[in-house]
Every structure is written in structure tokens, then in C-alpha cells.
């Protein structure tokens, strides 16, 4: 009986296939980075208007100084949201944070679309400043944009607004987090409403 002999092949050099695999992986990563935008959303505030109110609530008593007053400032920000991704975006919520000159932070949520008619009835001067609202739950298709008004209400005077450190509007997306944009200091329209 003859002896079985197993022939051993010379060890192949695996360096070339490994280098080729890393090179292909690097090319794929570079293509993904190049064709994916740097951020998930582009935000632009195209127009802002403010509407300060001073409301006096009359008291039934005859005591001097028993009337109560309330100052509110409405900010109407026209917001444009662009979707540069290849995926749809869903708007979840709009909130804003105002930082006053003395570092006090006031956070508010945008008015709901269903509440706008009541707000316009209470303050008719707001209606001419308003534009169609940007709705929560809006779907933005890939490569398109939506635009509309976001109505914010802060319990402050016009003077506090004019001397603020910042006002940031946060746009919350489903599956995307919050994206901030500064409300500009150069408000385009100011309307006043006193003695309501």
C-alpha cells in the first residue's frame, strides 16, 4: 500500500485582498458622506411681526388700584422648512425660548391651529399680520419645502422683547429631534394693541 501524501500549497499572501477590501470600503463610505446632506433640515424665518397687548381686567370692587393688568407679546414668525434629504420629514411641534436682558428664560409652545380663531377674535389686530399657519403633523416630501406662520405668545412687554438677549424657535421633528433657529432682532412689522 502506498503512503498517502498530502501536498501543501505555499501560503498565499493575503495582504493584497485585504488592502483591496479596505479600499472598496473607503470608497463606499466617501460616496455615502458626499451624497448625504450635512443636516436633516434647513430652516429659514422669512418674516416676523410682533403684536404687544396690554389688557386691563376691571374689578367689581370700588377699591382704588384693584384692577389687574396683563401684558402679552405675540410673535408671528413665518417659517420655511426645506427637506434636503432623500427621506420624508414629519413636523412634530414648535416651541420657543426667550432669554431676557437679565438672563431669565421664558419657554412657550406655539398656538395650536384650532385656537387661532379664538385668538383672532380676542385680538382682531393680529389677523392682518397673520398668514396661513404651519401645521403640526405636516409631512414634507424629500426635496420639497413647506412654509407657514408659527404664532408664539410671551407674557412680556414690548420693552422686554426689544432688549432681549435671544429668542430661539425650536422645530421638533418625529425621528429627528429639535432644530433651533434664532428669531431675528430686526422685526419687520410691529403693531400695537393697547387699552383692550
N, C-alpha and C. Protein backbone atom coordinates (compact mmCIF):
# COMPACT_ATOMS: atom_id res chain seq x y z
N UNK A 1 0.82 -1.15 0.00
CA UNK A 1 0.00 0.00 0.00
C UNK A 1 0.88 1.24 0.00
N UNK A 2 0.52 2.18 -0.79
CA UNK A 2 1.36 3.37 -0.90
C UNK A 2 0.99 4.38 0.17
N UNK A 3 1.96 5.13 0.57
CA UNK A 3 1.73 6.16 1.60
C UNK A 3 0.97 7.33 1.01
N UNK A 4 0.01 7.76 1.79
CA UNK A 4 -0.75 8.94 1.36
C UNK A 4 0.09 10.18 1.61
N UNK A 5 0.14 10.98 0.64
CA UNK A 5 0.89 12.22 0.77
C UNK A 5 -0.05 13.39 0.50
N UNK A 6 -0.04 14.25 1.45
CA UNK A 6 -0.84 15.47 1.28
C UNK A 6 0.09 16.59 0.87
N UNK A 7 -0.24 17.15 -0.23
CA UNK A 7 0.61 18.20 -0.74
C UNK A 7 0.18 19.53 -0.13
N UNK A 8 1.08 20.24 0.38
CA UNK A 8 0.78 21.54 0.99
C UNK A 8 1.16 22.62 0.01
N UNK A 9 0.16 23.49 -0.19
CA UNK A 9 0.41 24.62 -1.08
C UNK A 9 1.17 25.69 -0.32
N UNK A 10 1.87 26.46 -1.02
CA UNK A 10 2.61 27.56 -0.40
C UNK A 10 1.61 28.57 0.16
N UNK A 11 1.90 29.16 1.30
CA UNK A 11 1.00 30.15 1.91
C UNK A 11 0.84 31.33 0.97
N UNK A 12 -0.42 31.66 0.72
CA UNK A 12 -0.67 32.79 -0.17
C UNK A 12 -0.59 34.07 0.64
N UNK A 13 -0.21 35.11 0.01
CA UNK A 13 -0.11 36.42 0.66
C UNK A 13 -1.50 37.06 0.64
N UNK A 14 -2.11 37.27 1.83
CA UNK A 14 -3.45 37.85 1.93
C UNK A 14 -3.44 39.38 2.00
N UNK A 15 -2.29 39.95 1.96
CA UNK A 15 -2.19 41.40 2.08
C UNK A 15 -2.92 42.12 0.94
N UNK A 16 -2.79 41.67 -0.28
CA UNK A 16 -3.41 42.34 -1.43
C UNK A 16 -4.94 42.30 -1.34
N UNK A 17 -5.61 41.16 -1.05
CA UNK A 17 -7.07 41.16 -0.94
C UNK A 17 -7.58 42.02 0.21
N UNK A 18 -6.86 42.03 1.34
CA UNK A 18 -7.27 42.84 2.47
C UNK A 18 -7.19 44.33 2.12
N UNK A 19 -6.13 44.75 1.47
CA UNK A 19 -6.00 46.15 1.05
C UNK A 19 -7.08 46.54 0.05
N UNK A 20 -7.41 45.65 -0.86
CA UNK A 20 -8.48 45.94 -1.83
C UNK A 20 -9.82 46.08 -1.12
N UNK A 21 -10.09 45.22 -0.13
CA UNK A 21 -11.35 45.30 0.63
C UNK A 21 -11.44 46.63 1.38
N UNK A 22 -10.34 47.05 2.03
CA UNK A 22 -10.35 48.33 2.74
C UNK A 22 -10.52 49.51 1.78
N UNK A 23 -9.93 49.42 0.62
CA UNK A 23 -10.06 50.47 -0.39
C UNK A 23 -11.51 50.59 -0.86
N UNK A 24 -12.16 49.45 -1.13
CA UNK A 24 -13.57 49.48 -1.54
C UNK A 24 -14.47 50.02 -0.42
N UNK A 25 -14.22 49.63 0.81
CA UNK A 25 -14.99 50.14 1.95
C UNK A 25 -14.81 51.65 2.08
N UNK A 26 -13.62 52.15 1.91
CA UNK A 26 -13.36 53.59 1.97
C UNK A 26 -14.10 54.35 0.88
N UNK A 27 -14.14 53.80 -0.32
CA UNK A 27 -14.86 54.44 -1.43
C UNK A 27 -16.36 54.49 -1.13
N UNK A 28 -16.91 53.42 -0.60
CA UNK A 28 -18.34 53.39 -0.26
C UNK A 28 -18.67 54.42 0.81
N UNK A 29 -17.85 54.50 1.85
CA UNK A 29 -18.08 55.49 2.91
C UNK A 29 -17.99 56.91 2.37
N UNK A 30 -17.01 57.17 1.51
CA UNK A 30 -16.86 58.51 0.92
C UNK A 30 -18.08 58.88 0.08
N UNK A 31 -18.61 57.93 -0.68
CA UNK A 31 -19.80 58.21 -1.51
C UNK A 31 -21.02 58.49 -0.64
N UNK A 32 -21.19 57.74 0.44
CA UNK A 32 -22.33 57.96 1.34
C UNK A 32 -22.23 59.35 1.97
N UNK A 33 -21.05 59.72 2.45
CA UNK A 33 -20.87 61.04 3.08
C UNK A 33 -21.09 62.15 2.06
N UNK A 34 -20.60 61.96 0.85
CA UNK A 34 -20.72 63.01 -0.18
C UNK A 34 -22.17 63.24 -0.60
N UNK A 35 -22.97 62.18 -0.65
CA UNK A 35 -24.34 62.31 -1.13
C UNK A 35 -25.37 62.45 -0.02
N UNK A 36 -24.93 62.54 1.23
CA UNK A 36 -25.84 62.76 2.35
C UNK A 36 -25.64 64.19 2.83
N UNK A 37 -26.70 64.99 2.88
CA UNK A 37 -26.56 66.37 3.35
C UNK A 37 -26.07 66.41 4.80
N UNK A 38 -25.46 67.55 5.16
CA UNK A 38 -24.87 67.70 6.48
C UNK A 38 -25.90 67.80 7.59
N UNK A 39 -27.09 68.25 7.29
CA UNK A 39 -28.11 68.34 8.32
C UNK A 39 -29.42 67.83 7.76
N UNK A 40 -30.35 67.53 8.65
CA UNK A 40 -31.59 66.89 8.24
C UNK A 40 -32.64 67.88 7.77
N UNK A 41 -32.46 69.17 8.05
CA UNK A 41 -33.49 70.13 7.72
C UNK A 41 -32.84 71.52 7.57
N UNK A 42 -33.39 72.32 6.66
CA UNK A 42 -32.97 73.71 6.51
C UNK A 42 -34.12 74.59 6.96
N UNK A 43 -33.86 75.50 7.90
CA UNK A 43 -34.88 76.39 8.44
C UNK A 43 -34.57 77.83 8.07
N UNK A 44 -35.61 78.58 7.69
CA UNK A 44 -35.46 80.00 7.39
C UNK A 44 -36.68 80.73 7.93
N UNK A 45 -36.45 81.80 8.68
CA UNK A 45 -37.54 82.67 9.08
C UNK A 45 -37.58 83.80 8.06
N UNK A 46 -38.63 83.82 7.25
CA UNK A 46 -38.71 84.77 6.14
C UNK A 46 -39.31 86.11 6.55
N UNK A 47 -40.08 86.12 7.64
CA UNK A 47 -40.74 87.35 8.06
C UNK A 47 -41.17 87.20 9.51
N UNK A 48 -41.05 88.27 10.27
CA UNK A 48 -41.58 88.25 11.64
C UNK A 48 -42.39 89.52 11.87
N UNK A 49 -43.39 89.39 12.71
CA UNK A 49 -44.20 90.53 13.14
C UNK A 49 -44.47 90.34 14.62
N UNK A 50 -44.57 91.43 15.34
CA UNK A 50 -44.90 91.33 16.75
C UNK A 50 -46.13 92.17 17.04
N UNK A 51 -46.86 91.74 18.06
CA UNK A 51 -48.11 92.39 18.42
C UNK A 51 -48.19 92.43 19.95
N UNK A 52 -47.80 93.55 20.58
CA UNK A 52 -47.89 93.63 22.04
C UNK A 52 -49.31 93.99 22.48
N UNK A 53 -49.74 93.39 23.57
CA UNK A 53 -51.06 93.69 24.11
C UNK A 53 -50.94 94.10 25.57
N UNK A 54 -51.84 94.95 26.01
CA UNK A 54 -51.95 95.36 27.41
C UNK A 54 -53.43 95.31 27.74
N UNK A 55 -53.81 94.35 28.54
CA UNK A 55 -55.21 94.14 28.86
C UNK A 55 -55.44 94.48 30.33
N UNK A 56 -56.48 95.30 30.58
CA UNK A 56 -56.84 95.65 31.95
C UNK A 56 -58.13 94.91 32.29
N UNK A 57 -58.09 94.17 33.39
CA UNK A 57 -59.26 93.44 33.86
C UNK A 57 -59.89 94.26 34.98
N UNK A 58 -61.08 94.77 34.74
CA UNK A 58 -61.79 95.61 35.72
C UNK A 58 -62.26 94.76 36.90
N UNK A 59 -62.14 95.33 38.06
CA UNK A 59 -62.60 94.66 39.29
C UNK A 59 -63.97 95.19 39.65
N UNK A 60 -64.77 94.36 40.31
CA UNK A 60 -66.12 94.77 40.74
C UNK A 60 -66.08 95.63 42.00
N UNK A 61 -64.95 95.67 42.67
CA UNK A 61 -64.87 96.45 43.91
C UNK A 61 -64.57 97.91 43.58
N UNK A 62 -64.83 98.78 44.55
CA UNK A 62 -64.58 100.20 44.37
C UNK A 62 -63.24 100.62 44.96
N UNK A 63 -62.42 99.63 45.31
CA UNK A 63 -61.11 99.92 45.87
C UNK A 63 -60.19 100.38 44.75
N UNK A 64 -59.51 101.51 45.01
CA UNK A 64 -58.60 102.06 44.00
C UNK A 64 -57.42 101.11 43.84
N UNK A 65 -57.06 100.86 42.60
CA UNK A 65 -55.92 100.01 42.29
C UNK A 65 -56.23 98.52 42.31
N UNK A 66 -57.49 98.17 42.35
CA UNK A 66 -57.84 96.75 42.38
C UNK A 66 -57.94 96.15 40.98
N UNK A 67 -57.92 96.99 39.94
CA UNK A 67 -57.92 96.47 38.57
C UNK A 67 -56.59 95.76 38.30
N UNK A 68 -56.64 94.69 37.54
CA UNK A 68 -55.44 93.92 37.21
C UNK A 68 -55.12 94.13 35.74
N UNK A 69 -53.84 94.20 35.43
CA UNK A 69 -53.38 94.37 34.05
C UNK A 69 -52.49 93.20 33.66
N UNK A 70 -52.51 92.89 32.38
CA UNK A 70 -51.70 91.78 31.86
C UNK A 70 -51.07 92.21 30.54
N UNK A 71 -49.75 92.01 30.43
CA UNK A 71 -49.03 92.31 29.19
C UNK A 71 -48.65 90.99 28.53
N UNK A 72 -48.91 90.92 27.23
CA UNK A 72 -48.51 89.78 26.42
C UNK A 72 -47.95 90.29 25.11
N UNK A 73 -47.04 89.53 24.56
CA UNK A 73 -46.47 89.88 23.27
C UNK A 73 -46.62 88.67 22.35
N UNK A 74 -47.26 88.88 21.21
CA UNK A 74 -47.44 87.82 20.22
C UNK A 74 -46.38 87.99 19.14
N UNK A 75 -45.70 86.90 18.82
CA UNK A 75 -44.69 86.88 17.77
C UNK A 75 -45.21 85.99 16.66
N UNK A 76 -45.34 86.57 15.47
CA UNK A 76 -45.78 85.82 14.30
C UNK A 76 -44.55 85.61 13.42
N UNK A 77 -44.04 84.40 13.40
CA UNK A 77 -42.84 84.08 12.62
C UNK A 77 -43.24 83.24 11.42
N UNK A 78 -42.91 83.72 10.24
CA UNK A 78 -43.17 82.95 9.03
C UNK A 78 -41.96 82.06 8.78
N UNK A 79 -42.16 80.75 8.88
CA UNK A 79 -41.07 79.78 8.84
C UNK A 79 -41.13 78.95 7.57
N UNK A 80 -39.96 78.77 6.96
CA UNK A 80 -39.83 77.89 5.79
C UNK A 80 -38.96 76.71 6.21
N UNK A 81 -39.44 75.50 5.93
CA UNK A 81 -38.72 74.27 6.27
C UNK A 81 -38.44 73.52 4.97
N UNK A 82 -37.15 73.33 4.67
CA UNK A 82 -36.72 72.60 3.47
C UNK A 82 -36.21 71.22 3.86
N UNK A 83 -36.55 70.21 3.07
CA UNK A 83 -36.11 68.83 3.31
C UNK A 83 -35.08 68.47 2.24
N UNK A 84 -33.78 68.56 2.56
CA UNK A 84 -32.75 68.22 1.57
C UNK A 84 -32.43 66.73 1.51
N UNK A 85 -33.04 65.95 2.39
CA UNK A 85 -32.75 64.52 2.45
C UNK A 85 -33.54 63.73 1.41
N UNK A 86 -33.24 62.48 1.35
CA UNK A 86 -33.98 61.57 0.47
C UNK A 86 -35.05 60.84 1.26
N UNK A 87 -35.37 61.36 2.44
CA UNK A 87 -36.38 60.77 3.32
C UNK A 87 -37.41 61.83 3.68
N UNK A 88 -38.66 61.45 3.92
CA UNK A 88 -39.67 62.44 4.33
C UNK A 88 -39.43 62.90 5.76
N UNK A 89 -39.86 64.13 6.05
CA UNK A 89 -39.79 64.69 7.39
C UNK A 89 -41.20 64.91 7.91
N UNK A 90 -41.40 64.74 9.22
CA UNK A 90 -42.69 64.97 9.84
C UNK A 90 -42.53 66.02 10.94
N UNK A 91 -43.28 67.13 10.85
CA UNK A 91 -43.22 68.17 11.87
C UNK A 91 -44.00 67.71 13.10
N UNK A 92 -43.37 67.82 14.26
CA UNK A 92 -44.00 67.36 15.50
C UNK A 92 -44.50 68.53 16.34
N UNK A 93 -43.63 69.53 16.60
CA UNK A 93 -44.02 70.62 17.49
C UNK A 93 -43.14 71.84 17.25
N UNK A 94 -43.62 72.97 17.74
CA UNK A 94 -42.88 74.23 17.68
C UNK A 94 -42.87 74.83 19.08
N UNK A 95 -41.68 75.10 19.60
CA UNK A 95 -41.55 75.77 20.88
C UNK A 95 -40.53 76.89 20.73
N UNK A 96 -40.54 77.82 21.67
CA UNK A 96 -39.57 78.91 21.62
C UNK A 96 -39.11 79.24 23.03
N UNK A 97 -37.86 79.68 23.12
CA UNK A 97 -37.29 80.11 24.39
C UNK A 97 -36.74 81.51 24.22
N UNK A 98 -37.20 82.40 25.08
CA UNK A 98 -36.75 83.79 25.09
C UNK A 98 -35.81 83.97 26.27
N UNK A 99 -34.65 84.56 26.05
CA UNK A 99 -33.74 84.91 27.12
C UNK A 99 -33.75 86.42 27.26
N UNK A 100 -34.20 86.91 28.43
CA UNK A 100 -34.33 88.35 28.66
C UNK A 100 -32.96 88.96 28.96
N UNK A 101 -32.94 90.29 29.06
CA UNK A 101 -31.70 91.00 29.35
C UNK A 101 -31.11 90.59 30.69
N UNK A 102 -31.95 90.18 31.65
CA UNK A 102 -31.45 89.75 32.96
C UNK A 102 -31.34 88.23 33.07
N UNK A 103 -31.19 87.55 31.93
CA UNK A 103 -30.96 86.10 31.83
C UNK A 103 -32.13 85.23 32.29
N UNK A 104 -33.31 85.78 32.36
CA UNK A 104 -34.49 84.97 32.65
C UNK A 104 -34.90 84.25 31.36
N UNK A 105 -35.21 82.96 31.45
CA UNK A 105 -35.64 82.21 30.28
C UNK A 105 -37.13 81.92 30.36
N UNK A 106 -37.83 82.25 29.27
CA UNK A 106 -39.27 82.02 29.18
C UNK A 106 -39.49 81.11 27.98
N UNK A 107 -40.11 79.96 28.23
CA UNK A 107 -40.38 78.99 27.16
C UNK A 107 -41.87 78.93 26.90
N UNK A 108 -42.23 78.87 25.63
CA UNK A 108 -43.63 78.80 25.24
C UNK A 108 -43.78 77.83 24.08
N UNK A 109 -44.97 77.32 23.91
CA UNK A 109 -45.30 76.45 22.79
C UNK A 109 -46.15 77.26 21.80
N UNK A 110 -46.00 76.99 20.54
CA UNK A 110 -46.76 77.72 19.52
C UNK A 110 -48.25 77.42 19.66
N UNK A 111 -49.05 78.39 19.28
CA UNK A 111 -50.51 78.23 19.33
C UNK A 111 -50.94 77.10 18.39
N UNK A 112 -51.92 76.34 18.84
CA UNK A 112 -52.50 75.28 18.01
C UNK A 112 -53.37 75.94 16.94
N UNK A 113 -53.45 75.32 15.78
CA UNK A 113 -54.26 75.86 14.69
C UNK A 113 -55.71 76.02 15.11
N UNK A 114 -56.24 75.09 15.89
CA UNK A 114 -57.64 75.16 16.32
C UNK A 114 -57.90 76.34 17.27
N UNK A 115 -56.85 76.88 17.90
CA UNK A 115 -57.00 78.01 18.83
C UNK A 115 -56.91 79.36 18.14
N UNK A 116 -56.44 79.39 16.90
CA UNK A 116 -56.23 80.68 16.21
C UNK A 116 -57.51 81.51 16.07
N UNK A 117 -58.68 80.94 15.70
CA UNK A 117 -59.88 81.78 15.58
C UNK A 117 -60.22 82.51 16.89
N UNK A 118 -60.08 81.84 18.03
CA UNK A 118 -60.36 82.49 19.31
C UNK A 118 -59.36 83.60 19.61
N UNK A 119 -58.10 83.39 19.27
CA UNK A 119 -57.07 84.41 19.48
C UNK A 119 -57.36 85.62 18.60
N UNK A 120 -57.73 85.38 17.33
CA UNK A 120 -58.04 86.49 16.42
C UNK A 120 -59.29 87.25 16.87
N UNK A 121 -60.25 86.55 17.48
CA UNK A 121 -61.44 87.21 17.99
C UNK A 121 -61.09 88.11 19.18
N UNK A 122 -60.22 87.60 20.06
CA UNK A 122 -59.80 88.39 21.23
C UNK A 122 -58.93 89.58 20.84
N UNK A 123 -58.09 89.39 19.85
CA UNK A 123 -57.18 90.45 19.39
C UNK A 123 -57.30 90.59 17.87
N UNK A 124 -58.30 91.34 17.40
CA UNK A 124 -58.53 91.44 15.95
C UNK A 124 -57.36 92.04 15.18
N UNK A 125 -56.51 92.80 15.84
CA UNK A 125 -55.35 93.38 15.16
C UNK A 125 -54.32 92.35 14.74
N UNK A 126 -54.38 91.15 15.29
CA UNK A 126 -53.46 90.08 14.90
C UNK A 126 -53.77 89.53 13.50
N UNK A 127 -55.04 89.49 13.16
CA UNK A 127 -55.48 88.85 11.91
C UNK A 127 -54.79 89.43 10.67
N UNK A 128 -54.66 90.78 10.53
CA UNK A 128 -53.98 91.29 9.33
C UNK A 128 -52.49 90.93 9.26
N UNK A 129 -51.87 90.63 10.41
CA UNK A 129 -50.45 90.27 10.43
C UNK A 129 -50.22 88.79 10.14
N UNK A 130 -51.28 88.00 10.24
CA UNK A 130 -51.16 86.54 10.14
C UNK A 130 -51.14 86.07 8.69
N UNK A 131 -50.55 84.90 8.52
CA UNK A 131 -50.56 84.20 7.23
C UNK A 131 -51.01 82.77 7.52
N UNK A 132 -51.22 81.95 6.51
CA UNK A 132 -51.64 80.57 6.78
C UNK A 132 -50.65 79.87 7.72
N UNK A 133 -51.17 79.17 8.73
CA UNK A 133 -50.30 78.57 9.73
C UNK A 133 -49.56 77.34 9.22
N UNK A 134 -48.40 77.11 9.82
CA UNK A 134 -47.65 75.88 9.59
C UNK A 134 -48.15 74.87 10.60
N UNK A 135 -48.70 73.79 10.12
CA UNK A 135 -49.38 72.82 11.00
C UNK A 135 -48.43 71.75 11.52
N UNK A 136 -48.68 71.37 12.77
CA UNK A 136 -48.02 70.19 13.31
C UNK A 136 -48.51 68.98 12.51
N UNK A 137 -47.76 67.93 12.52
CA UNK A 137 -48.07 66.69 11.81
C UNK A 137 -47.96 66.83 10.29
N UNK A 138 -47.36 67.91 9.81
CA UNK A 138 -47.18 68.10 8.38
C UNK A 138 -46.09 67.18 7.86
N UNK A 139 -46.33 66.56 6.72
CA UNK A 139 -45.35 65.71 6.05
C UNK A 139 -44.65 66.56 4.99
N UNK A 140 -43.32 66.53 5.01
CA UNK A 140 -42.53 67.22 3.99
C UNK A 140 -41.86 66.15 3.15
N UNK A 141 -42.22 66.10 1.89
CA UNK A 141 -41.66 65.10 0.99
C UNK A 141 -40.19 65.41 0.69
N UNK A 142 -39.40 64.38 0.37
CA UNK A 142 -37.98 64.61 0.07
C UNK A 142 -37.79 65.63 -1.04
N UNK A 143 -36.87 66.56 -0.81
CA UNK A 143 -36.54 67.57 -1.82
C UNK A 143 -37.54 68.70 -1.93
N UNK A 144 -38.53 68.77 -1.04
CA UNK A 144 -39.53 69.84 -1.11
C UNK A 144 -39.45 70.70 0.15
N UNK A 145 -40.34 71.68 0.24
CA UNK A 145 -40.38 72.55 1.41
C UNK A 145 -41.81 72.92 1.74
N UNK A 146 -42.01 73.38 2.96
CA UNK A 146 -43.30 73.93 3.39
C UNK A 146 -43.02 75.26 4.07
N UNK A 147 -44.04 76.11 4.08
CA UNK A 147 -43.89 77.42 4.69
C UNK A 147 -45.20 77.81 5.35
N UNK A 148 -45.10 78.48 6.49
CA UNK A 148 -46.29 78.94 7.17
C UNK A 148 -45.94 79.70 8.44
N UNK A 149 -46.98 80.25 9.06
CA UNK A 149 -46.81 81.07 10.25
C UNK A 149 -46.82 80.21 11.51
N UNK A 150 -45.95 80.58 12.44
CA UNK A 150 -45.93 80.00 13.78
C UNK A 150 -46.23 81.16 14.73
N UNK A 151 -47.30 81.04 15.53
CA UNK A 151 -47.72 82.10 16.45
C UNK A 151 -47.28 81.75 17.86
N UNK A 152 -46.44 82.61 18.43
CA UNK A 152 -45.92 82.42 19.78
C UNK A 152 -46.44 83.54 20.68
N UNK A 153 -46.68 83.23 21.94
CA UNK A 153 -47.16 84.22 22.90
C UNK A 153 -46.26 84.20 24.13
N UNK A 154 -45.67 85.36 24.44
CA UNK A 154 -44.81 85.51 25.61
C UNK A 154 -45.46 86.48 26.58
N UNK A 155 -45.44 86.21 27.89
CA UNK A 155 -46.02 87.12 28.89
C UNK A 155 -45.04 88.25 29.25
N UNK A 156 -44.73 89.08 28.25
CA UNK A 156 -43.75 90.16 28.43
C UNK A 156 -44.25 91.43 27.77
N UNK A 157 -43.56 92.54 28.03
CA UNK A 157 -43.85 93.81 27.38
C UNK A 157 -43.00 93.97 26.12
N UNK A 158 -43.33 94.97 25.34
CA UNK A 158 -42.55 95.26 24.14
C UNK A 158 -41.12 95.64 24.51
N UNK A 159 -40.94 96.34 25.61
CA UNK A 159 -39.61 96.76 26.04
C UNK A 159 -38.74 95.54 26.37
N UNK A 160 -39.30 94.54 27.04
CA UNK A 160 -38.54 93.32 27.34
C UNK A 160 -38.13 92.63 26.05
N UNK A 161 -39.04 92.58 25.08
CA UNK A 161 -38.73 91.96 23.78
C UNK A 161 -37.60 92.71 23.07
N UNK A 162 -37.67 94.02 23.08
CA UNK A 162 -36.67 94.82 22.36
C UNK A 162 -35.29 94.73 23.00
N UNK A 163 -35.22 94.41 24.28
CA UNK A 163 -33.94 94.33 24.97
C UNK A 163 -33.53 92.88 25.30
N UNK A 164 -34.11 91.93 24.63
CA UNK A 164 -33.82 90.52 24.89
C UNK A 164 -32.40 90.17 24.45
N UNK A 165 -31.87 89.09 25.04
CA UNK A 165 -30.58 88.56 24.59
C UNK A 165 -30.77 87.66 23.37
N UNK A 166 -31.83 86.86 23.40
CA UNK A 166 -32.10 85.97 22.26
C UNK A 166 -33.52 85.46 22.32
N UNK A 167 -33.98 84.99 21.18
CA UNK A 167 -35.25 84.28 21.07
C UNK A 167 -35.01 83.16 20.06
N UNK A 168 -35.17 81.92 20.51
CA UNK A 168 -34.87 80.75 19.69
C UNK A 168 -36.15 79.96 19.45
N UNK A 169 -36.45 79.72 18.19
CA UNK A 169 -37.57 78.86 17.80
C UNK A 169 -37.02 77.46 17.56
N UNK A 170 -37.62 76.46 18.23
CA UNK A 170 -37.21 75.07 18.07
C UNK A 170 -38.26 74.33 17.26
N UNK A 171 -37.83 73.69 16.18
CA UNK A 171 -38.71 72.90 15.34
C UNK A 171 -38.42 71.44 15.64
N UNK A 172 -39.39 70.76 16.24
CA UNK A 172 -39.26 69.34 16.60
C UNK A 172 -39.75 68.48 15.45
N UNK A 173 -38.93 67.50 15.09
CA UNK A 173 -39.30 66.54 14.04
C UNK A 173 -39.47 65.16 14.66
N UNK A 174 -40.43 64.40 14.15
CA UNK A 174 -40.51 63.00 14.53
C UNK A 174 -39.26 62.31 14.00
N UNK A 175 -38.64 61.51 14.78
CA UNK A 175 -37.45 60.75 14.39
C UNK A 175 -36.29 61.64 13.97
N UNK A 176 -36.29 62.90 14.42
CA UNK A 176 -35.19 63.77 14.02
C UNK A 176 -34.71 64.72 15.10
N UNK A 177 -35.46 64.86 16.17
CA UNK A 177 -35.06 65.76 17.24
C UNK A 177 -35.46 67.19 16.97
N UNK A 178 -34.92 68.09 17.76
CA UNK A 178 -35.26 69.52 17.67
C UNK A 178 -34.16 70.27 16.92
N UNK A 179 -34.57 71.19 16.08
CA UNK A 179 -33.65 72.03 15.33
C UNK A 179 -33.94 73.49 15.66
N UNK A 180 -32.95 74.22 16.19
CA UNK A 180 -33.19 75.61 16.60
C UNK A 180 -32.89 76.60 15.48
N UNK A 181 -33.61 77.72 15.52
CA UNK A 181 -33.32 78.85 14.64
C UNK A 181 -33.61 80.12 15.44
N UNK A 182 -32.72 81.09 15.33
CA UNK A 182 -32.88 82.34 16.06
C UNK A 182 -33.93 83.22 15.38
N UNK A 183 -34.80 83.79 16.19
CA UNK A 183 -35.76 84.77 15.67
C UNK A 183 -34.99 86.08 15.56
N UNK A 184 -34.94 86.68 14.38
CA UNK A 184 -34.08 87.85 14.19
C UNK A 184 -34.51 89.06 15.04
N UNK A 185 -33.54 89.90 15.35
CA UNK A 185 -33.80 91.11 16.13
C UNK A 185 -34.51 92.17 15.30
N UNK A 186 -34.29 92.16 14.01
CA UNK A 186 -34.89 93.19 13.15
C UNK A 186 -36.28 92.76 12.70
N UNK A 187 -37.24 92.90 13.59
CA UNK A 187 -38.62 92.55 13.29
C UNK A 187 -39.13 93.44 12.18
N UNK A 188 -39.79 92.83 11.21
CA UNK A 188 -40.25 93.58 10.05
C UNK A 188 -41.49 94.44 10.37
N UNK A 189 -42.40 93.93 11.17
CA UNK A 189 -43.66 94.63 11.42
C UNK A 189 -43.92 94.68 12.91
N UNK A 190 -44.27 95.83 13.41
CA UNK A 190 -44.69 95.96 14.81
C UNK A 190 -46.06 96.59 14.81
N UNK A 191 -46.98 95.95 15.48
CA UNK A 191 -48.32 96.51 15.62
C UNK A 191 -48.61 96.59 17.09
N UNK A 192 -49.34 97.58 17.48
CA UNK A 192 -49.62 97.73 18.92
C UNK A 192 -51.10 97.58 19.18
N UNK A 193 -51.39 97.12 20.37
CA UNK A 193 -52.79 96.93 20.79
C UNK A 193 -52.84 97.27 22.27
N UNK A 194 -53.26 98.46 22.60
CA UNK A 194 -53.35 98.87 23.98
C UNK A 194 -54.79 99.18 24.32
N UNK A 195 -55.07 99.21 25.63
CA UNK A 195 -56.40 99.54 26.15
C UNK A 195 -57.46 98.53 25.69
N UNK A 196 -57.14 97.27 25.75
CA UNK A 196 -58.12 96.23 25.41
C UNK A 196 -59.09 96.06 26.53
